[in-house]
Amino acid sequence: MKVIQIVEPLKAKVVVKGDLGETEITGGYCGDLLSDCIANATEGSGWITIQSHPNTVAVAVLVGMACIVVTNSQDIGEPTVQRAVKEGVTLLSTPLTSYQAVAVLSGLGVPGTRKHG
């Protein structure tokens, strides 16, 4: 499934396009602790988080995530937007809670993924 296909079901706003229409989302990971995501999220994951700090973009690049989905309509500051643009990371914002966003992705058939298990 392409990242573009999760935008409407998540009621998401595209903050930074990245490779929205080209990137495959192969799984999902939900977490707000950056070190946990580095240790456990897998390449190709759609990352569901409340975090909107610029370091989330660095983590997404490091892991090779398909996109970042910031939940609860959390404010995404300009430094984060600019970092995502620079790195080509797709950044989405949704009014849904993290729990609701995970339920939507699961309903679409996106499996939860984890490096070790």
Protein backbone atom coordinates (compact mmCIF):
# COMPACT_ATOMS: atom_id res chain seq x y z
CA MET A 1 0.00 0.00 0.00
CA LYS A 2 1.27 3.47 -0.85
CA VAL A 3 1.43 6.16 1.82
CA ILE A 4 -1.03 8.29 -0.21
CA GLN A 5 -3.67 5.62 0.45
CA ILE A 6 -3.67 6.22 4.22
CA VAL A 7 -4.20 10.00 4.05
CA GLU A 8 -7.97 10.02 3.60
CA PRO A 9 -8.79 7.19 6.05
CA LEU A 10 -6.67 8.95 8.71
CA LYS A 11 -8.41 12.28 7.98
CA ALA A 12 -4.86 13.54 7.64
CA LYS A 13 -3.46 16.76 6.34
CA VAL A 14 -0.28 16.45 4.27
CA VAL A 15 2.22 18.76 5.97
CA VAL A 16 5.22 17.65 3.91
CA LYS A 17 4.67 15.58 0.77
CA GLY A 18 7.96 13.70 0.55
CA ASP A 19 7.45 10.69 -1.77
CA LEU A 20 3.80 10.40 -0.76
CA GLY A 21 2.59 8.69 -3.90
CA GLU A 22 5.62 6.43 -4.39
CA THR A 23 6.57 5.16 -0.95
CA GLU A 24 5.24 1.80 0.21
CA ILE A 25 4.07 1.48 3.77
CA THR A 26 4.95 -2.04 4.86
CA GLY A 27 3.94 -1.85 8.49
CA GLY A 28 3.11 0.42 11.37
CA TYR A 29 4.76 1.43 14.59
CA CYS A 30 3.28 3.50 17.40
CA GLY A 31 5.50 5.12 19.97
CA ASP A 32 6.51 8.44 21.43
CA LEU A 33 9.88 7.55 22.88
CA LEU A 34 12.45 8.20 20.15
CA SER A 35 14.94 5.63 21.45
CA ASP A 36 12.21 2.97 21.45
CA CYS A 37 11.42 3.72 17.81
CA ILE A 38 15.09 3.53 16.87
CA ALA A 39 15.40 0.17 18.61
CA ASN A 40 12.16 -1.40 17.42
CA ALA A 41 10.54 0.25 14.39
CA THR A 42 11.24 -1.30 11.01
CA GLU A 43 12.10 0.15 7.64
CA GLY A 44 8.95 1.04 5.70
CA SER A 45 6.88 1.67 8.82
CA GLY A 46 4.29 4.36 9.14
CA TRP A 47 5.14 5.95 12.48
CA ILE A 48 2.20 7.02 14.64
CA THR A 49 3.30 9.51 17.32
CA ILE A 50 2.30 12.57 19.28
CA GLN A 51 5.87 13.88 18.96
CA SER A 52 6.42 16.76 16.57
CA HIS A 53 10.00 17.70 17.45
CA PRO A 54 12.53 17.95 14.58
CA ASN A 55 14.33 14.91 16.01
CA THR A 56 11.39 12.76 14.91
CA VAL A 57 12.48 13.41 11.34
CA ALA A 58 16.02 12.31 12.16
CA VAL A 59 14.67 9.08 13.67
CA ALA A 60 12.45 8.45 10.63
CA VAL A 61 15.46 8.86 8.32
CA LEU A 62 17.67 6.66 10.50
CA VAL A 63 15.12 3.84 10.55
CA GLY A 64 13.92 4.36 6.97
CA MET A 65 10.28 4.92 7.88
CA ALA A 66 7.71 5.48 5.17
CA CYS A 67 6.11 8.45 6.93
CA ILE A 68 5.43 10.17 10.22
CA VAL A 69 1.81 10.59 11.33
CA VAL A 70 1.49 13.16 14.10
CA THR A 71 -1.74 12.63 16.03
CA ASN A 72 -4.15 14.78 18.08
CA SER A 73 -3.70 17.73 15.69
CA GLN A 74 -0.48 18.39 17.57
CA ASP A 75 1.18 21.63 16.48
CA ILE A 76 4.07 20.91 14.11
CA GLY A 77 6.58 23.74 14.25
CA GLU A 78 8.44 25.20 11.32
CA PRO A 79 11.79 23.61 12.31
CA THR A 80 10.21 20.16 12.02
CA VAL A 81 8.57 21.01 8.71
CA GLN A 82 11.82 22.37 7.28
CA ARG A 83 13.75 19.30 8.44
CA ALA A 84 11.18 17.00 6.82
CA VAL A 85 11.38 18.98 3.58
CA LYS A 86 15.19 18.82 3.63
CA GLU A 87 15.19 15.06 4.28
CA GLY A 88 12.27 14.24 1.95
CA VAL A 89 10.23 12.70 4.76
CA THR A 90 6.46 12.53 4.38
CA LEU A 91 4.85 14.24 7.37
CA LEU A 92 1.13 13.91 8.05
CA SER A 93 -1.07 15.44 10.73
CA THR A 94 -4.32 13.87 11.91
CA PRO A 95 -6.96 14.94 14.43
CA LEU A 96 -7.27 11.28 15.46
CA THR A 97 -5.70 10.00 18.67
CA SER A 98 -2.80 7.59 18.36
CA TYR A 99 -5.12 4.75 19.35
CA GLN A 100 -7.63 5.71 16.65
CA ALA A 101 -4.90 6.09 14.01
CA VAL A 102 -3.51 2.64 14.79
CA ALA A 103 -7.02 1.18 14.55
CA VAL A 104 -7.49 2.79 11.12
CA LEU A 105 -4.18 1.45 9.80
CA SER A 106 -4.91 -1.99 11.21
CA GLY A 107 -8.32 -1.92 9.54
CA LEU A 108 -6.60 -1.15 6.24
CA GLY A 109 -4.46 -4.26 6.65
CA VAL A 110 -1.24 -2.52 7.67
CA PRO A 111 0.47 -4.93 10.07
CA GLY A 112 2.20 -3.85 13.25
CA THR A 113 5.93 -4.41 12.90
CA ARG A 114 8.84 -4.74 15.28
CA LYS A 115 12.50 -5.57 14.67
CA HIS A 116 12.67 -8.26 17.33
CA GLY A 117 9.47 -10.24 17.41
